[in-house]
N, C-alpha and C. Protein backbone atom coordinates (compact mmCIF):
# COMPACT_ATOMS: atom_id res chain seq x y z
N UNK A 1 156.15 68.61 113.44
CA UNK A 1 156.28 69.85 114.17
C UNK A 1 156.80 69.59 115.57
N UNK A 2 157.60 70.47 116.10
CA UNK A 2 158.06 70.29 117.47
C UNK A 2 156.89 70.37 118.45
N UNK A 3 157.06 69.71 119.59
CA UNK A 3 156.00 69.70 120.60
C UNK A 3 155.57 71.08 121.04
N UNK A 4 156.50 72.02 121.05
CA UNK A 4 156.15 73.36 121.52
C UNK A 4 155.08 74.01 120.65
N UNK A 5 154.92 73.55 119.41
CA UNK A 5 153.89 74.12 118.54
C UNK A 5 152.61 73.30 118.57
N UNK A 6 152.72 71.99 118.72
CA UNK A 6 151.52 71.15 118.68
C UNK A 6 150.79 71.12 120.01
N UNK A 7 151.45 71.48 121.10
CA UNK A 7 150.81 71.43 122.41
C UNK A 7 150.45 72.80 122.96
N UNK A 8 150.33 73.75 122.11
CA UNK A 8 149.97 75.09 122.59
C UNK A 8 148.59 75.06 123.21
N UNK A 9 148.39 75.94 124.14
CA UNK A 9 147.07 76.07 124.74
C UNK A 9 146.56 77.48 124.50
N UNK A 10 145.27 77.59 124.41
CA UNK A 10 144.64 78.90 124.23
C UNK A 10 144.00 79.30 125.55
N UNK A 11 143.90 80.56 125.76
CA UNK A 11 143.33 81.06 127.01
C UNK A 11 141.87 81.45 126.76
N UNK A 12 141.03 81.13 127.72
CA UNK A 12 139.62 81.48 127.65
C UNK A 12 139.26 82.15 128.97
N UNK A 13 138.66 83.32 128.88
CA UNK A 13 138.25 84.03 130.09
C UNK A 13 136.74 84.19 130.08
N UNK A 14 136.16 84.16 131.27
CA UNK A 14 134.72 84.35 131.38
C UNK A 14 134.40 84.96 132.73
N UNK A 15 133.38 85.77 132.77
CA UNK A 15 132.87 86.32 134.02
C UNK A 15 131.77 85.37 134.49
N UNK A 16 131.74 85.11 135.78
CA UNK A 16 130.75 84.18 136.31
C UNK A 16 130.27 84.71 137.66
N UNK A 17 128.99 84.52 137.92
CA UNK A 17 128.42 84.94 139.20
C UNK A 17 129.04 84.11 140.32
N UNK A 18 129.24 84.72 141.45
CA UNK A 18 129.84 83.98 142.58
C UNK A 18 129.11 82.69 142.93
N UNK A 19 127.79 82.70 142.87
CA UNK A 19 127.02 81.49 143.18
C UNK A 19 127.29 80.38 142.16
N UNK A 20 127.39 80.76 140.91
CA UNK A 20 127.68 79.78 139.86
C UNK A 20 129.09 79.23 140.03
N UNK A 21 130.03 80.10 140.37
CA UNK A 21 131.41 79.66 140.59
C UNK A 21 131.48 78.68 141.76
N UNK A 22 130.71 78.93 142.78
CA UNK A 22 130.70 78.02 143.92
C UNK A 22 130.24 76.63 143.51
N UNK A 23 129.21 76.55 142.67
CA UNK A 23 128.71 75.26 142.18
C UNK A 23 129.75 74.59 141.30
N UNK A 24 130.39 75.36 140.43
CA UNK A 24 131.42 74.81 139.55
C UNK A 24 132.59 74.29 140.37
N UNK A 25 133.01 75.05 141.36
CA UNK A 25 134.11 74.61 142.24
C UNK A 25 133.74 73.29 142.94
N UNK A 26 132.53 73.22 143.43
CA UNK A 26 132.08 72.01 144.13
C UNK A 26 132.06 70.82 143.18
N UNK A 27 131.54 71.02 141.99
CA UNK A 27 131.48 69.92 141.01
C UNK A 27 132.89 69.48 140.61
N UNK A 28 133.78 70.43 140.42
CA UNK A 28 135.17 70.10 140.07
C UNK A 28 135.81 69.32 141.21
N UNK A 29 135.55 69.73 142.42
CA UNK A 29 136.09 69.04 143.60
C UNK A 29 135.57 67.60 143.67
N UNK A 30 134.29 67.42 143.42
CA UNK A 30 133.69 66.08 143.44
C UNK A 30 134.36 65.17 142.42
N UNK A 31 134.68 65.71 141.26
CA UNK A 31 135.32 64.92 140.20
C UNK A 31 136.84 64.85 140.35
N UNK A 32 137.37 65.56 141.32
CA UNK A 32 138.82 65.53 141.52
C UNK A 32 139.57 66.28 140.43
N UNK A 33 138.96 67.31 139.90
CA UNK A 33 139.56 68.11 138.82
C UNK A 33 139.79 69.53 139.31
N UNK A 34 140.62 70.23 138.55
CA UNK A 34 140.74 71.66 138.79
C UNK A 34 139.50 72.32 138.20
N UNK A 35 139.22 73.53 138.65
CA UNK A 35 138.09 74.28 138.10
C UNK A 35 138.28 74.47 136.60
N UNK A 36 139.50 74.82 136.21
CA UNK A 36 139.79 75.04 134.80
C UNK A 36 139.54 73.77 133.98
N UNK A 37 140.03 72.64 134.45
CA UNK A 37 139.84 71.38 133.74
C UNK A 37 138.36 71.02 133.66
N UNK A 38 137.64 71.22 134.76
CA UNK A 38 136.22 70.92 134.78
C UNK A 38 135.46 71.77 133.77
N UNK A 39 135.75 73.07 133.76
CA UNK A 39 135.05 73.99 132.86
C UNK A 39 135.35 73.65 131.40
N UNK A 40 136.62 73.37 131.10
CA UNK A 40 136.99 73.03 129.72
C UNK A 40 136.29 71.75 129.29
N UNK A 41 136.30 70.74 130.14
CA UNK A 41 135.65 69.47 129.80
C UNK A 41 134.15 69.66 129.58
N UNK A 42 133.52 70.43 130.46
CA UNK A 42 132.07 70.67 130.34
C UNK A 42 131.76 71.47 129.07
N UNK A 43 132.58 72.46 128.78
CA UNK A 43 132.36 73.27 127.57
C UNK A 43 132.56 72.42 126.32
N UNK A 44 133.58 71.59 126.33
CA UNK A 44 133.84 70.74 125.16
C UNK A 44 132.71 69.74 124.95
N UNK A 45 132.22 69.16 126.03
CA UNK A 45 131.11 68.22 125.93
C UNK A 45 129.87 68.90 125.36
N UNK A 46 129.57 70.10 125.86
CA UNK A 46 128.40 70.85 125.38
C UNK A 46 128.59 71.24 123.91
N UNK A 47 129.80 71.62 123.54
CA UNK A 47 130.08 72.00 122.15
C UNK A 47 129.91 70.81 121.22
N UNK A 48 130.45 69.65 121.63
CA UNK A 48 130.32 68.45 120.79
C UNK A 48 128.87 68.05 120.61
N UNK A 49 128.09 68.17 121.68
CA UNK A 49 126.66 67.84 121.60
C UNK A 49 125.96 68.79 120.63
N UNK A 50 126.26 70.06 120.72
CA UNK A 50 125.64 71.06 119.84
C UNK A 50 125.99 70.80 118.39
N UNK A 51 127.26 70.52 118.12
CA UNK A 51 127.70 70.26 116.75
C UNK A 51 127.05 68.99 116.22
N UNK A 52 127.01 67.93 117.03
CA UNK A 52 126.42 66.68 116.54
C UNK A 52 124.93 66.82 116.27
N UNK A 53 124.25 67.68 117.03
CA UNK A 53 122.82 67.90 116.78
C UNK A 53 122.58 68.51 115.41
N UNK A 54 123.56 69.25 114.91
CA UNK A 54 123.43 69.89 113.60
C UNK A 54 123.95 68.97 112.49
N UNK A 55 125.01 68.23 112.77
CA UNK A 55 125.67 67.44 111.74
C UNK A 55 125.12 66.03 111.57
N UNK A 56 124.53 65.47 112.60
CA UNK A 56 124.05 64.10 112.55
C UNK A 56 122.56 64.12 112.22
N UNK A 57 122.20 63.38 111.21
CA UNK A 57 120.79 63.29 110.81
C UNK A 57 120.22 62.02 111.43
N UNK A 58 119.18 62.18 112.19
CA UNK A 58 118.55 61.03 112.83
C UNK A 58 117.24 60.74 112.09
N UNK A 59 117.08 59.48 111.73
CA UNK A 59 115.88 59.06 111.00
C UNK A 59 115.15 57.98 111.77
N UNK A 60 113.84 57.99 111.64
CA UNK A 60 113.05 56.90 112.22
C UNK A 60 113.37 55.62 111.45
N UNK A 61 112.97 54.50 111.99
CA UNK A 61 113.21 53.21 111.31
C UNK A 61 112.58 53.23 109.91
N UNK A 62 111.36 53.74 109.83
CA UNK A 62 110.65 53.80 108.55
C UNK A 62 111.40 54.68 107.56
N UNK A 63 111.87 55.83 108.02
CA UNK A 63 112.62 56.74 107.14
C UNK A 63 113.94 56.12 106.70
N UNK A 64 114.60 55.37 107.60
CA UNK A 64 115.84 54.69 107.24
C UNK A 64 115.59 53.67 106.12
N UNK A 65 114.52 52.91 106.27
CA UNK A 65 114.19 51.90 105.26
C UNK A 65 113.87 52.55 103.92
N UNK A 66 113.14 53.65 103.95
CA UNK A 66 112.81 54.37 102.72
C UNK A 66 114.07 54.93 102.07
N UNK A 67 114.99 55.46 102.86
CA UNK A 67 116.25 56.01 102.36
C UNK A 67 117.06 54.92 101.67
N UNK A 68 117.20 53.77 102.31
CA UNK A 68 117.96 52.66 101.73
C UNK A 68 117.29 52.18 100.45
N UNK A 69 115.98 52.09 100.46
CA UNK A 69 115.24 51.67 99.26
C UNK A 69 115.52 52.60 98.09
N UNK A 70 115.50 53.90 98.35
CA UNK A 70 115.76 54.87 97.28
C UNK A 70 117.20 54.82 96.79
N UNK A 71 118.13 54.50 97.69
CA UNK A 71 119.53 54.36 97.27
C UNK A 71 119.75 53.11 96.45
N UNK A 72 119.14 52.00 96.86
CA UNK A 72 119.37 50.73 96.18
C UNK A 72 118.50 50.55 94.95
N UNK A 73 117.32 51.16 94.95
CA UNK A 73 116.42 51.07 93.80
C UNK A 73 115.86 52.45 93.49
N UNK A 74 116.71 53.32 92.93
CA UNK A 74 116.23 54.69 92.67
C UNK A 74 115.12 54.70 91.62
N UNK A 75 114.22 55.67 91.72
CA UNK A 75 113.15 55.76 90.73
C UNK A 75 113.71 56.17 89.37
N UNK A 76 112.96 55.87 88.33
CA UNK A 76 113.38 56.28 86.99
C UNK A 76 113.35 57.80 86.89
N UNK A 77 114.27 58.33 86.11
CA UNK A 77 114.35 59.78 85.95
C UNK A 77 113.19 60.28 85.09
N UNK A 78 112.56 61.34 85.57
CA UNK A 78 111.52 61.96 84.76
C UNK A 78 112.19 62.98 83.83
N UNK A 79 111.47 63.53 82.85
CA UNK A 79 112.08 64.46 81.90
C UNK A 79 112.76 65.67 82.56
N UNK A 80 112.18 66.20 83.62
CA UNK A 80 112.78 67.35 84.30
C UNK A 80 114.14 66.99 84.91
N UNK A 81 114.24 65.81 85.51
CA UNK A 81 115.51 65.37 86.09
C UNK A 81 116.55 65.12 85.00
N UNK A 82 116.13 64.52 83.90
CA UNK A 82 117.07 64.30 82.78
C UNK A 82 117.62 65.62 82.28
N UNK A 83 116.73 66.61 82.16
CA UNK A 83 117.15 67.93 81.70
C UNK A 83 118.11 68.58 82.71
N UNK A 84 117.81 68.42 84.00
CA UNK A 84 118.68 68.98 85.05
C UNK A 84 120.06 68.33 85.03
N UNK A 85 120.11 67.02 84.86
CA UNK A 85 121.41 66.33 84.78
C UNK A 85 122.21 66.78 83.58
N UNK A 86 121.53 66.92 82.44
CA UNK A 86 122.22 67.38 81.23
C UNK A 86 122.76 68.79 81.42
N UNK A 87 121.97 69.65 82.02
CA UNK A 87 122.40 71.03 82.27
C UNK A 87 123.58 71.05 83.24
N UNK A 88 123.53 70.25 84.27
CA UNK A 88 124.63 70.16 85.23
C UNK A 88 125.90 69.67 84.54
N UNK A 89 125.76 68.65 83.72
CA UNK A 89 126.90 68.09 82.99
C UNK A 89 127.55 69.18 82.14
N UNK A 90 126.75 69.97 81.45
CA UNK A 90 127.28 71.06 80.61
C UNK A 90 127.97 72.14 81.44
N UNK A 91 127.40 72.46 82.59
CA UNK A 91 127.99 73.48 83.44
C UNK A 91 129.32 73.01 84.06
N UNK A 92 129.38 71.77 84.44
CA UNK A 92 130.57 71.24 85.10
C UNK A 92 131.72 71.08 84.11
N UNK A 93 131.44 70.75 82.87
CA UNK A 93 132.48 70.56 81.87
C UNK A 93 133.20 71.85 81.55
N UNK A 94 132.53 72.98 81.67
CA UNK A 94 133.12 74.26 81.25
C UNK A 94 134.03 74.83 82.28
């Protein structure tokens, strides 16, 4: 694709209290960024953190060991699981 299509930017507008804008301006100035760049970077960082909190599963050491154990040495299937697998197999084939 030509650069004119891959480098498009989207516009984001927001209302902000004057006191909050003053803090944002000061923080942007400290980092040597424009207000717009500062806000986008902060929003992106917050968004990535929010998404990772939902998508990344964190386990304790004990839970990690139990998970690996179940993957490497799964328990024998009980009759209900065998029936469920057979039913799934029949449903997927159709």
